[in-house]
Amino acid sequence: MIELRKLQAIAEENFADIVSETKIVDGKIRIFLIDTSYIDFWWSAEIEGRFAHHYERGHIDGTIYRHDNMPHLKWAHISTFPQHYHEGSKDNVIESFLVAEPSMSVMEFLRFARRLLTGLQDEQNERNAR
């Protein structure tokens, strides 16, 4: 069984610079980030190993980032199938780079979010300096 509170603590303690709040809701961890985007970390209670990690930025810039292992035949050509990665949109799907182990996948996905947020903040600072 996945220990959601342990994973929630990883987010709060290691990513306080980008995490504004965390909640456990409907069997998933929802992590609110400093730019009003959020990440949902979910693992199935019924199917061992099934997961979806979704980074929602649609209200900010129209993008989503999601690693999941739902065996959609549409993505059978992806080398990491059934695990795959929606990069920026639901239809732009490539190989997933996340490991299956929950604490490591939470850490890596939050590192990705940090890099994205830092890059966006750097771009905004450059625009403001002009």
N, C-alpha and C. Protein backbone atom coordinates (compact mmCIF):
# COMPACT_ATOMS: atom_id res chain seq x y z
N MET A 1 0.83 -1.19 0.00
CA MET A 1 0.00 0.00 0.00
C MET A 1 0.88 1.26 0.00
N ILE A 2 0.50 2.20 -0.81
CA ILE A 2 1.24 3.45 -0.93
C ILE A 2 0.97 4.32 0.31
N GLU A 3 2.03 4.83 0.92
CA GLU A 3 1.90 5.69 2.10
C GLU A 3 1.81 7.15 1.66
N LEU A 4 0.58 7.62 1.44
CA LEU A 4 0.38 8.97 0.92
C LEU A 4 0.93 10.05 1.84
N ARG A 5 0.78 9.88 3.14
CA ARG A 5 1.28 10.91 4.07
C ARG A 5 2.81 11.03 4.00
N LYS A 6 3.48 9.90 3.82
CA LYS A 6 4.94 9.93 3.67
C LYS A 6 5.33 10.69 2.40
N LEU A 7 4.63 10.44 1.32
CA LEU A 7 4.92 11.13 0.06
C LEU A 7 4.54 12.61 0.13
N GLN A 8 3.48 12.90 0.84
CA GLN A 8 3.08 14.29 1.06
C GLN A 8 4.19 15.03 1.81
N ALA A 9 4.77 14.39 2.82
CA ALA A 9 5.85 15.00 3.59
C ALA A 9 7.08 15.24 2.73
N ILE A 10 7.38 14.33 1.80
CA ILE A 10 8.50 14.53 0.88
C ILE A 10 8.31 15.82 0.10
N ALA A 11 7.11 16.03 -0.41
CA ALA A 11 6.82 17.25 -1.18
C ALA A 11 6.97 18.50 -0.32
N GLU A 12 6.40 18.46 0.88
CA GLU A 12 6.43 19.63 1.76
C GLU A 12 7.83 19.95 2.25
N GLU A 13 8.60 18.94 2.58
CA GLU A 13 9.92 19.16 3.17
C GLU A 13 11.00 19.46 2.13
N ASN A 14 10.95 18.80 1.00
CA ASN A 14 12.02 18.93 0.01
C ASN A 14 11.74 19.96 -1.09
N PHE A 15 10.50 20.40 -1.20
CA PHE A 15 10.14 21.30 -2.28
C PHE A 15 9.36 22.52 -1.77
N ALA A 16 9.69 22.96 -0.56
CA ALA A 16 9.00 24.10 0.04
C ALA A 16 9.15 25.37 -0.80
N ASP A 17 10.19 25.44 -1.62
CA ASP A 17 10.39 26.62 -2.47
C ASP A 17 9.36 26.72 -3.59
N ILE A 18 8.71 25.61 -3.97
CA ILE A 18 7.71 25.66 -5.04
C ILE A 18 6.33 25.20 -4.60
N VAL A 19 6.22 24.55 -3.45
CA VAL A 19 4.95 24.02 -2.96
C VAL A 19 4.31 25.02 -2.01
N SER A 20 3.06 25.37 -2.30
CA SER A 20 2.35 26.29 -1.41
C SER A 20 1.42 25.55 -0.45
N GLU A 21 0.92 24.37 -0.86
CA GLU A 21 0.00 23.61 -0.02
C GLU A 21 -0.10 22.18 -0.56
N THR A 22 -0.40 21.25 0.32
CA THR A 22 -0.65 19.87 -0.11
C THR A 22 -1.90 19.36 0.59
N LYS A 23 -2.61 18.47 -0.09
CA LYS A 23 -3.81 17.84 0.47
C LYS A 23 -3.88 16.40 -0.02
N ILE A 24 -4.44 15.55 0.81
CA ILE A 24 -4.79 14.21 0.36
C ILE A 24 -6.29 14.23 0.11
N VAL A 25 -6.68 14.02 -1.15
CA VAL A 25 -8.06 14.12 -1.59
C VAL A 25 -8.39 12.93 -2.48
N ASP A 26 -9.47 12.24 -2.18
CA ASP A 26 -9.94 11.14 -3.03
C ASP A 26 -8.84 10.14 -3.36
N GLY A 27 -8.02 9.78 -2.38
CA GLY A 27 -7.00 8.77 -2.58
C GLY A 27 -5.79 9.22 -3.39
N LYS A 28 -5.63 10.53 -3.53
CA LYS A 28 -4.46 11.05 -4.24
C LYS A 28 -3.88 12.21 -3.45
N ILE A 29 -2.65 12.56 -3.78
CA ILE A 29 -2.02 13.74 -3.19
C ILE A 29 -2.15 14.87 -4.20
N ARG A 30 -2.71 15.98 -3.78
CA ARG A 30 -2.76 17.17 -4.63
C ARG A 30 -1.78 18.16 -4.05
N ILE A 31 -0.85 18.60 -4.91
CA ILE A 31 0.18 19.55 -4.51
C ILE A 31 -0.03 20.84 -5.28
N PHE A 32 -0.33 21.89 -4.54
CA PHE A 32 -0.52 23.21 -5.13
C PHE A 32 0.84 23.91 -5.17
N LEU A 33 1.17 24.45 -6.34
CA LEU A 33 2.45 25.11 -6.52
C LEU A 33 2.29 26.62 -6.45
N ILE A 34 3.41 27.30 -6.32
CA ILE A 34 3.42 28.74 -6.07
C ILE A 34 2.83 29.58 -7.21
N ASP A 35 2.70 29.01 -8.40
CA ASP A 35 2.14 29.75 -9.53
C ASP A 35 0.66 29.42 -9.77
N THR A 36 -0.01 28.77 -8.84
CA THR A 36 -1.40 28.32 -8.89
C THR A 36 -1.62 27.06 -9.73
N SER A 37 -0.57 26.48 -10.27
CA SER A 37 -0.71 25.18 -10.92
C SER A 37 -0.72 24.11 -9.84
N TYR A 38 -1.01 22.87 -10.23
CA TYR A 38 -1.01 21.80 -9.24
C TYR A 38 -0.61 20.48 -9.87
N ILE A 39 -0.19 19.56 -9.00
CA ILE A 39 0.17 18.21 -9.42
C ILE A 39 -0.65 17.24 -8.60
N ASP A 40 -1.25 16.27 -9.28
CA ASP A 40 -1.93 15.17 -8.61
C ASP A 40 -1.07 13.92 -8.76
N PHE A 41 -0.79 13.27 -7.63
CA PHE A 41 -0.10 11.98 -7.61
C PHE A 41 -1.13 10.93 -7.19
N TRP A 42 -1.39 9.95 -8.05
CA TRP A 42 -2.40 8.93 -7.79
C TRP A 42 -1.84 7.55 -8.08
N TRP A 43 -2.18 6.62 -7.20
CA TRP A 43 -1.89 5.19 -7.39
C TRP A 43 -3.17 4.43 -7.16
N SER A 44 -3.45 3.46 -8.00
CA SER A 44 -4.68 2.68 -7.90
C SER A 44 -4.70 1.83 -6.63
N ALA A 45 -5.84 1.78 -5.98
CA ALA A 45 -6.04 0.89 -4.84
C ALA A 45 -6.46 -0.49 -5.32
N GLU A 46 -6.94 -0.58 -6.56
CA GLU A 46 -7.43 -1.85 -7.10
C GLU A 46 -6.41 -2.61 -7.94
N ILE A 47 -5.63 -1.88 -8.72
CA ILE A 47 -4.67 -2.52 -9.63
C ILE A 47 -3.26 -2.16 -9.19
N GLU A 48 -2.57 -3.13 -8.66
CA GLU A 48 -1.22 -2.89 -8.15
C GLU A 48 -0.32 -2.34 -9.26
N GLY A 49 0.39 -1.28 -8.93
CA GLY A 49 1.34 -0.69 -9.88
C GLY A 49 0.74 0.35 -10.81
N ARG A 50 -0.58 0.45 -10.91
CA ARG A 50 -1.20 1.44 -11.80
C ARG A 50 -1.10 2.81 -11.17
N PHE A 51 -0.69 3.82 -11.97
CA PHE A 51 -0.52 5.17 -11.44
C PHE A 51 -0.78 6.21 -12.51
N ALA A 52 -0.97 7.43 -12.06
CA ALA A 52 -1.02 8.60 -12.94
C ALA A 52 -0.53 9.79 -12.12
N HIS A 53 0.41 10.54 -12.68
CA HIS A 53 0.93 11.75 -12.06
C HIS A 53 0.70 12.88 -13.05
N HIS A 54 -0.15 13.80 -12.68
CA HIS A 54 -0.65 14.82 -13.60
C HIS A 54 -0.30 16.21 -13.10
N TYR A 55 0.38 16.99 -13.94
CA TYR A 55 0.76 18.37 -13.64
C TYR A 55 -0.13 19.27 -14.48
N GLU A 56 -1.06 19.97 -13.83
CA GLU A 56 -2.06 20.78 -14.51
C GLU A 56 -1.63 22.25 -14.56
N ARG A 57 -1.44 22.74 -15.80
CA ARG A 57 -1.08 24.13 -16.03
C ARG A 57 -2.01 24.76 -17.07
N GLY A 58 -3.10 24.07 -17.37
CA GLY A 58 -4.01 24.53 -18.42
C GLY A 58 -4.52 25.94 -18.20
N HIS A 59 -4.82 26.30 -16.97
CA HIS A 59 -5.34 27.64 -16.67
C HIS A 59 -4.25 28.71 -16.74
N ILE A 60 -3.00 28.30 -16.81
CA ILE A 60 -1.88 29.25 -16.88
C ILE A 60 -1.41 29.42 -18.32
N ASP A 61 -1.06 28.30 -18.95
CA ASP A 61 -0.51 28.39 -20.32
C ASP A 61 -1.02 27.31 -21.26
N GLY A 62 -2.07 26.60 -20.85
CA GLY A 62 -2.67 25.60 -21.72
C GLY A 62 -1.97 24.25 -21.74
N THR A 63 -0.99 24.05 -20.85
CA THR A 63 -0.22 22.81 -20.90
C THR A 63 -0.60 21.84 -19.77
N ILE A 64 -0.32 20.56 -20.03
CA ILE A 64 -0.39 19.52 -19.02
C ILE A 64 0.83 18.63 -19.21
N TYR A 65 1.25 18.02 -18.14
CA TYR A 65 2.34 17.05 -18.16
C TYR A 65 1.86 15.87 -17.34
N ARG A 66 1.88 14.68 -17.92
CA ARG A 66 1.36 13.53 -17.18
C ARG A 66 2.14 12.27 -17.51
N HIS A 67 2.56 11.60 -16.47
CA HIS A 67 3.14 10.27 -16.58
C HIS A 67 2.07 9.30 -16.09
N ASP A 68 1.75 8.28 -16.87
CA ASP A 68 0.83 7.27 -16.39
C ASP A 68 1.13 5.95 -17.10
N ASN A 69 0.47 4.91 -16.62
CA ASN A 69 0.68 3.60 -17.24
C ASN A 69 -0.64 2.92 -17.57
N MET A 70 -1.61 3.73 -17.96
CA MET A 70 -2.85 3.17 -18.49
C MET A 70 -2.52 2.58 -19.86
N PRO A 71 -2.89 1.34 -20.09
CA PRO A 71 -2.46 0.68 -21.34
C PRO A 71 -3.31 1.04 -22.56
N HIS A 72 -3.35 2.30 -22.89
CA HIS A 72 -4.08 2.76 -24.08
C HIS A 72 -3.35 2.25 -25.33
N LEU A 73 -4.02 1.47 -26.14
CA LEU A 73 -3.38 0.90 -27.33
C LEU A 73 -2.88 1.97 -28.29
N LYS A 74 -3.45 3.15 -28.23
CA LYS A 74 -3.00 4.27 -29.06
C LYS A 74 -1.52 4.55 -28.85
N TRP A 75 -1.00 4.24 -27.64
CA TRP A 75 0.39 4.53 -27.31
C TRP A 75 1.26 3.27 -27.27
N ALA A 76 0.79 2.19 -27.87
CA ALA A 76 1.52 0.91 -27.84
C ALA A 76 2.88 1.01 -28.52
N HIS A 77 3.06 1.95 -29.42
CA HIS A 77 4.35 2.10 -30.13
C HIS A 77 5.42 2.78 -29.26
N ILE A 78 5.04 3.34 -28.12
CA ILE A 78 5.99 4.00 -27.23
C ILE A 78 6.85 2.93 -26.56
N SER A 79 8.16 3.12 -26.54
CA SER A 79 9.07 2.07 -26.06
C SER A 79 8.87 1.73 -24.58
N THR A 80 8.33 2.65 -23.78
CA THR A 80 8.11 2.37 -22.36
C THR A 80 6.67 1.91 -22.08
N PHE A 81 5.90 1.62 -23.14
CA PHE A 81 4.51 1.20 -23.00
C PHE A 81 4.37 0.04 -22.02
N PRO A 82 3.40 0.05 -21.14
CA PRO A 82 2.26 0.97 -21.10
C PRO A 82 2.56 2.32 -20.44
N GLN A 83 3.71 2.42 -19.78
CA GLN A 83 4.06 3.71 -19.18
C GLN A 83 4.42 4.69 -20.28
N HIS A 84 3.90 5.91 -20.17
CA HIS A 84 4.15 6.93 -21.19
C HIS A 84 4.02 8.32 -20.56
N TYR A 85 4.38 9.32 -21.33
CA TYR A 85 4.47 10.70 -20.84
C TYR A 85 3.78 11.64 -21.81
N HIS A 86 2.80 12.39 -21.31
CA HIS A 86 2.12 13.42 -22.08
C HIS A 86 2.90 14.72 -21.85
N GLU A 87 3.61 15.15 -22.86
CA GLU A 87 4.50 16.30 -22.72
C GLU A 87 3.85 17.55 -23.29
N GLY A 88 3.23 18.33 -22.41
CA GLY A 88 2.64 19.59 -22.81
C GLY A 88 1.19 19.51 -23.23
N SER A 89 0.76 18.36 -23.77
CA SER A 89 -0.63 18.18 -24.17
C SER A 89 -0.99 16.70 -24.12
N LYS A 90 -2.28 16.41 -24.13
CA LYS A 90 -2.70 15.01 -24.03
C LYS A 90 -2.32 14.20 -25.26
N ASP A 91 -2.10 14.85 -26.38
CA ASP A 91 -1.80 14.13 -27.61
C ASP A 91 -0.32 14.07 -27.97
N ASN A 92 0.52 14.80 -27.27
CA ASN A 92 1.96 14.74 -27.50
C ASN A 92 2.55 13.74 -26.50
N VAL A 93 2.68 12.49 -26.91
CA VAL A 93 3.05 11.40 -26.00
C VAL A 93 4.39 10.82 -26.42
N ILE A 94 5.28 10.67 -25.42
CA ILE A 94 6.61 10.11 -25.64
C ILE A 94 6.92 9.12 -24.52
N GLU A 95 8.15 8.60 -24.53
CA GLU A 95 8.59 7.67 -23.49
C GLU A 95 8.58 8.36 -22.13
N SER A 96 8.22 7.59 -21.12
CA SER A 96 8.22 8.11 -19.75
C SER A 96 9.61 7.99 -19.16
N PHE A 97 10.02 9.00 -18.41
CA PHE A 97 11.33 8.96 -17.76
C PHE A 97 11.23 8.68 -16.26
N LEU A 98 10.02 8.48 -15.73
CA LEU A 98 9.87 8.25 -14.30
C LEU A 98 10.06 6.79 -13.93
N VAL A 99 10.65 6.57 -12.78
CA VAL A 99 10.75 5.21 -12.24
C VAL A 99 9.43 4.89 -11.56
N ALA A 100 9.17 3.62 -11.34
CA ALA A 100 7.90 3.20 -10.77
C ALA A 100 7.83 3.39 -9.25
N GLU A 101 8.95 3.38 -8.57
CA GLU A 101 8.96 3.47 -7.11
C GLU A 101 8.37 4.83 -6.69
N PRO A 102 7.32 4.82 -5.85
CA PRO A 102 6.57 6.06 -5.56
C PRO A 102 7.39 7.23 -5.03
N SER A 103 8.22 7.05 -4.02
CA SER A 103 8.94 8.20 -3.48
C SER A 103 9.92 8.78 -4.50
N MET A 104 10.55 7.91 -5.27
CA MET A 104 11.47 8.40 -6.31
C MET A 104 10.71 9.11 -7.43
N SER A 105 9.54 8.61 -7.80
CA SER A 105 8.78 9.25 -8.87
C SER A 105 8.25 10.62 -8.41
N VAL A 106 7.83 10.72 -7.16
CA VAL A 106 7.38 12.01 -6.62
C VAL A 106 8.53 13.01 -6.65
N MET A 107 9.69 12.58 -6.18
CA MET A 107 10.86 13.47 -6.17
C MET A 107 11.22 13.94 -7.58
N GLU A 108 11.28 13.01 -8.52
CA GLU A 108 11.69 13.37 -9.88
C GLU A 108 10.67 14.27 -10.56
N PHE A 109 9.39 13.98 -10.37
CA PHE A 109 8.37 14.82 -11.02
C PHE A 109 8.36 16.22 -10.41
N LEU A 110 8.57 16.33 -9.11
CA LEU A 110 8.66 17.65 -8.49
C LEU A 110 9.94 18.38 -8.90
N ARG A 111 11.02 17.65 -9.12
CA ARG A 111 12.24 18.30 -9.66
C ARG A 111 11.95 18.87 -11.05
N PHE A 112 11.22 18.11 -11.87
CA PHE A 112 10.83 18.59 -13.19
C PHE A 112 10.00 19.87 -13.06
N ALA A 113 9.02 19.87 -12.14
CA ALA A 113 8.18 21.06 -11.94
C ALA A 113 9.03 22.25 -11.49
N ARG A 114 9.99 22.00 -10.62
CA ARG A 114 10.88 23.07 -10.15
C ARG A 114 11.66 23.65 -11.33
N ARG A 115 12.21 22.78 -12.18
CA ARG A 115 12.97 23.27 -13.34
C ARG A 115 12.07 24.10 -14.26
N LEU A 116 10.86 23.63 -14.49
CA LEU A 116 9.93 24.36 -15.34
C LEU A 116 9.58 25.71 -14.71
N LEU A 117 9.25 25.72 -13.43
CA LEU A 117 8.90 26.97 -12.76
C LEU A 117 10.08 27.93 -12.71
N THR A 118 11.25 27.43 -12.44
CA THR A 118 12.45 28.29 -12.39
C THR A 118 12.72 28.90 -13.76
N GLY A 119 12.60 28.11 -14.81
CA GLY A 119 12.79 28.62 -16.16
C GLY A 119 11.76 29.66 -16.52
N LEU A 120 10.51 29.43 -16.14
CA LEU A 120 9.47 30.42 -16.42
C LEU A 120 9.69 31.69 -15.63
N GLN A 121 10.14 31.56 -14.38
CA GLN A 121 10.42 32.75 -13.57
C GLN A 121 11.59 33.53 -14.15
N ASP A 122 12.62 32.83 -14.64
CA ASP A 122 13.75 33.50 -15.26
C ASP A 122 13.31 34.28 -16.49
N GLU A 123 12.42 33.67 -17.32
CA GLU A 123 11.92 34.36 -18.51
C GLU A 123 11.13 35.60 -18.11
N GLN A 124 10.28 35.48 -17.08
CA GLN A 124 9.48 36.63 -16.63
C GLN A 124 10.38 37.74 -16.10
N ASN A 125 11.41 37.39 -15.36
CA ASN A 125 12.34 38.40 -14.83
C ASN A 125 13.05 39.12 -15.97
N GLU A 126 13.44 38.38 -17.01
CA GLU A 126 14.09 39.00 -18.16
C GLU A 126 13.15 39.96 -18.86
N ARG A 127 11.89 39.59 -19.04
CA ARG A 127 10.91 40.49 -19.68
C ARG A 127 10.70 41.74 -18.84
N ASN A 128 10.62 41.56 -17.51
CA ASN A 128 10.40 42.70 -16.64
C ASN A 128 11.59 43.65 -16.62
N ALA A 129 12.77 43.13 -16.86
CA ALA A 129 14.00 43.95 -16.85
C ALA A 129 14.11 44.79 -18.11
N ARG A 130 13.41 44.43 -19.16
CA ARG A 130 13.51 45.18 -20.42
C ARG A 130 12.77 46.45 -20.42
